[in-house]
């Protein structure tokens, strides 16, 4: 997780909308990086999870993400999915 954080910080990315594919809600979420605090954040997972702390949980499959319009996100994160 530290590697993702370092890349985002080093590149100076300031996304408006960020998506974590196969993510989790809670402390382990990649969407919790301080650099993403001002972004609209979404977490996509097969398992239903409640939205919390400014992160919107979306139940769905990463192989079929038609719930989102094309070019909807400035940043997409995925780890171990």
C-alpha atoms as a PDB file:
ATOM      1  CA  UNK A   1       0.000   0.000   0.000  1.00  0.00           C
ATOM      2  CA  UNK A   2       2.901   2.325   0.704  1.00  0.00           C
ATOM      3  CA  UNK A   3       4.055   1.990  -2.908  1.00  0.00           C
ATOM      4  CA  UNK A   4       0.701   3.323  -4.207  1.00  0.00           C
ATOM      5  CA  UNK A   5       0.835   6.194  -1.748  1.00  0.00           C
ATOM      6  CA  UNK A   6       4.376   7.126  -2.816  1.00  0.00           C
ATOM      7  CA  UNK A   7       3.469   7.082  -6.518  1.00  0.00           C
ATOM      8  CA  UNK A   8       0.426   9.315  -5.998  1.00  0.00           C
ATOM      9  CA  UNK A   9       2.383  11.729  -3.814  1.00  0.00           C
ATOM     10  CA  UNK A  10       5.426  11.832  -6.119  1.00  0.00           C
ATOM     11  CA  UNK A  11       3.329  12.409  -9.270  1.00  0.00           C
ATOM     12  CA  UNK A  12       1.312  15.149  -7.601  1.00  0.00           C
ATOM     13  CA  UNK A  13      -1.976  13.633  -8.749  1.00  0.00           C
ATOM     14  CA  UNK A  14      -5.014  15.626  -7.541  1.00  0.00           C
ATOM     15  CA  UNK A  15      -7.966  13.643  -8.880  1.00  0.00           C
ATOM     16  CA  UNK A  16     -11.556  14.858  -8.777  1.00  0.00           C
ATOM     17  CA  UNK A  17     -12.924  11.289  -8.978  1.00  0.00           C
ATOM     18  CA  UNK A  18     -11.137   8.115  -7.911  1.00  0.00           C
ATOM     19  CA  UNK A  19     -12.122   4.444  -8.162  1.00  0.00           C
ATOM     20  CA  UNK A  20     -10.697   1.468  -6.298  1.00  0.00           C
ATOM     21  CA  UNK A  21     -11.474  -1.788  -8.138  1.00  0.00           C
ATOM     22  CA  UNK A  22     -11.845  -4.773  -5.826  1.00  0.00           C
ATOM     23  CA  UNK A  23     -11.378  -2.478  -2.868  1.00  0.00           C
ATOM     24  CA  UNK A  24     -12.486  -2.641   0.713  1.00  0.00           C
ATOM     25  CA  UNK A  25     -14.106  -0.174   3.032  1.00  0.00           C
ATOM     26  CA  UNK A  26     -12.227   0.716   6.183  1.00  0.00           C
ATOM     27  CA  UNK A  27      -8.607   1.357   7.055  1.00  0.00           C
ATOM     28  CA  UNK A  28      -7.285  -0.925   4.298  1.00  0.00           C
ATOM     29  CA  UNK A  29      -8.852   1.095   1.489  1.00  0.00           C
ATOM     30  CA  UNK A  30      -6.462   2.682  -1.001  1.00  0.00           C
ATOM     31  CA  UNK A  31      -8.987   5.517  -1.230  1.00  0.00           C
ATOM     32  CA  UNK A  32      -8.004   6.705   2.249  1.00  0.00           C
ATOM     33  CA  UNK A  33      -4.750   8.307   1.126  1.00  0.00           C
ATOM     34  CA  UNK A  34      -4.669  11.970   2.231  1.00  0.00           C
ATOM     35  CA  UNK A  35      -4.063  13.057  -1.390  1.00  0.00           C
ATOM     36  CA  UNK A  36      -7.508  11.692  -2.290  1.00  0.00           C
ATOM     37  CA  UNK A  37      -9.425  13.332   0.564  1.00  0.00           C
ATOM     38  CA  UNK A  38     -10.940  16.012  -1.689  1.00  0.00           C
ATOM     39  CA  UNK A  39     -11.920  13.602  -4.466  1.00  0.00           C
ATOM     40  CA  UNK A  40     -15.246  11.924  -5.031  1.00  0.00           C
ATOM     41  CA  UNK A  41     -14.287   8.325  -4.151  1.00  0.00           C
ATOM     42  CA  UNK A  42     -15.871   5.028  -5.232  1.00  0.00           C
ATOM     43  CA  UNK A  43     -15.101   1.453  -4.208  1.00  0.00           C
ATOM     44  CA  UNK A  44     -16.179  -1.374  -6.562  1.00  0.00           C
ATOM     45  CA  UNK A  45     -16.431  -4.901  -5.155  1.00  0.00           C
ATOM     46  CA  UNK A  46     -18.432  -8.076  -5.769  1.00  0.00           C
ATOM     47  CA  UNK A  47     -19.362  -8.095  -2.087  1.00  0.00           C
ATOM     48  CA  UNK A  48     -21.996  -5.655  -0.903  1.00  0.00           C
ATOM     49  CA  UNK A  49     -20.565  -3.168   1.575  1.00  0.00           C
ATOM     50  CA  UNK A  50     -22.018  -0.033   3.147  1.00  0.00           C
ATOM     51  CA  UNK A  51     -20.782   3.356   1.962  1.00  0.00           C
ATOM     52  CA  UNK A  52     -18.902   5.225   4.685  1.00  0.00           C
ATOM     53  CA  UNK A  53     -16.653   8.181   5.408  1.00  0.00           C
ATOM     54  CA  UNK A  54     -17.111   9.860   2.035  1.00  0.00           C
ATOM     55  CA  UNK A  55     -16.488   6.694   0.013  1.00  0.00           C
ATOM     56  CA  UNK A  56     -19.362   5.343  -2.085  1.00  0.00           C
ATOM     57  CA  UNK A  57     -19.518   1.556  -2.238  1.00  0.00           C
ATOM     58  CA  UNK A  58     -20.679   0.054  -5.541  1.00  0.00           C
ATOM     59  CA  UNK A  59     -21.543  -3.641  -5.786  1.00  0.00           C
ATOM     60  CA  UNK A  60     -20.457  -4.960  -9.161  1.00  0.00           C
ATOM     61  CA  UNK A  61     -18.030  -6.895 -11.311  1.00  0.00           C
ATOM     62  CA  UNK A  62     -14.831  -5.301 -12.635  1.00  0.00           C
ATOM     63  CA  UNK A  63     -15.333  -7.213 -15.898  1.00  0.00           C
ATOM     64  CA  UNK A  64     -18.559  -5.291 -16.570  1.00  0.00           C
ATOM     65  CA  UNK A  65     -18.444  -1.739 -15.259  1.00  0.00           C
ATOM     66  CA  UNK A  66     -21.225  -0.219 -17.347  1.00  0.00           C
ATOM     67  CA  UNK A  67     -22.556   1.367 -14.165  1.00  0.00           C
ATOM     68  CA  UNK A  68     -19.948   4.077 -14.865  1.00  0.00           C
ATOM     69  CA  UNK A  69     -19.696   6.313 -17.931  1.00  0.00           C
ATOM     70  CA  UNK A  70     -16.495   6.091 -19.985  1.00  0.00           C
ATOM     71  CA  UNK A  71     -13.726   8.424 -18.790  1.00  0.00           C
ATOM     72  CA  UNK A  72     -15.467   8.904 -15.421  1.00  0.00           C
ATOM     73  CA  UNK A  73     -12.347   8.769 -13.260  1.00  0.00           C
ATOM     74  CA  UNK A  74      -9.073  10.666 -13.014  1.00  0.00           C
ATOM     75  CA  UNK A  75      -7.506   7.849 -11.007  1.00  0.00           C
ATOM     76  CA  UNK A  76      -8.203   4.103 -10.844  1.00  0.00           C
ATOM     77  CA  UNK A  77      -6.503   1.952  -8.212  1.00  0.00           C
ATOM     78  CA  UNK A  78      -6.404  -1.844  -8.029  1.00  0.00           C
ATOM     79  CA  UNK A  79      -4.328  -4.139  -5.862  1.00  0.00           C
ATOM     80  CA  UNK A  80      -4.479  -7.945  -5.623  1.00  0.00           C
ATOM     81  CA  UNK A  81      -7.692  -8.264  -7.607  1.00  0.00           C
END
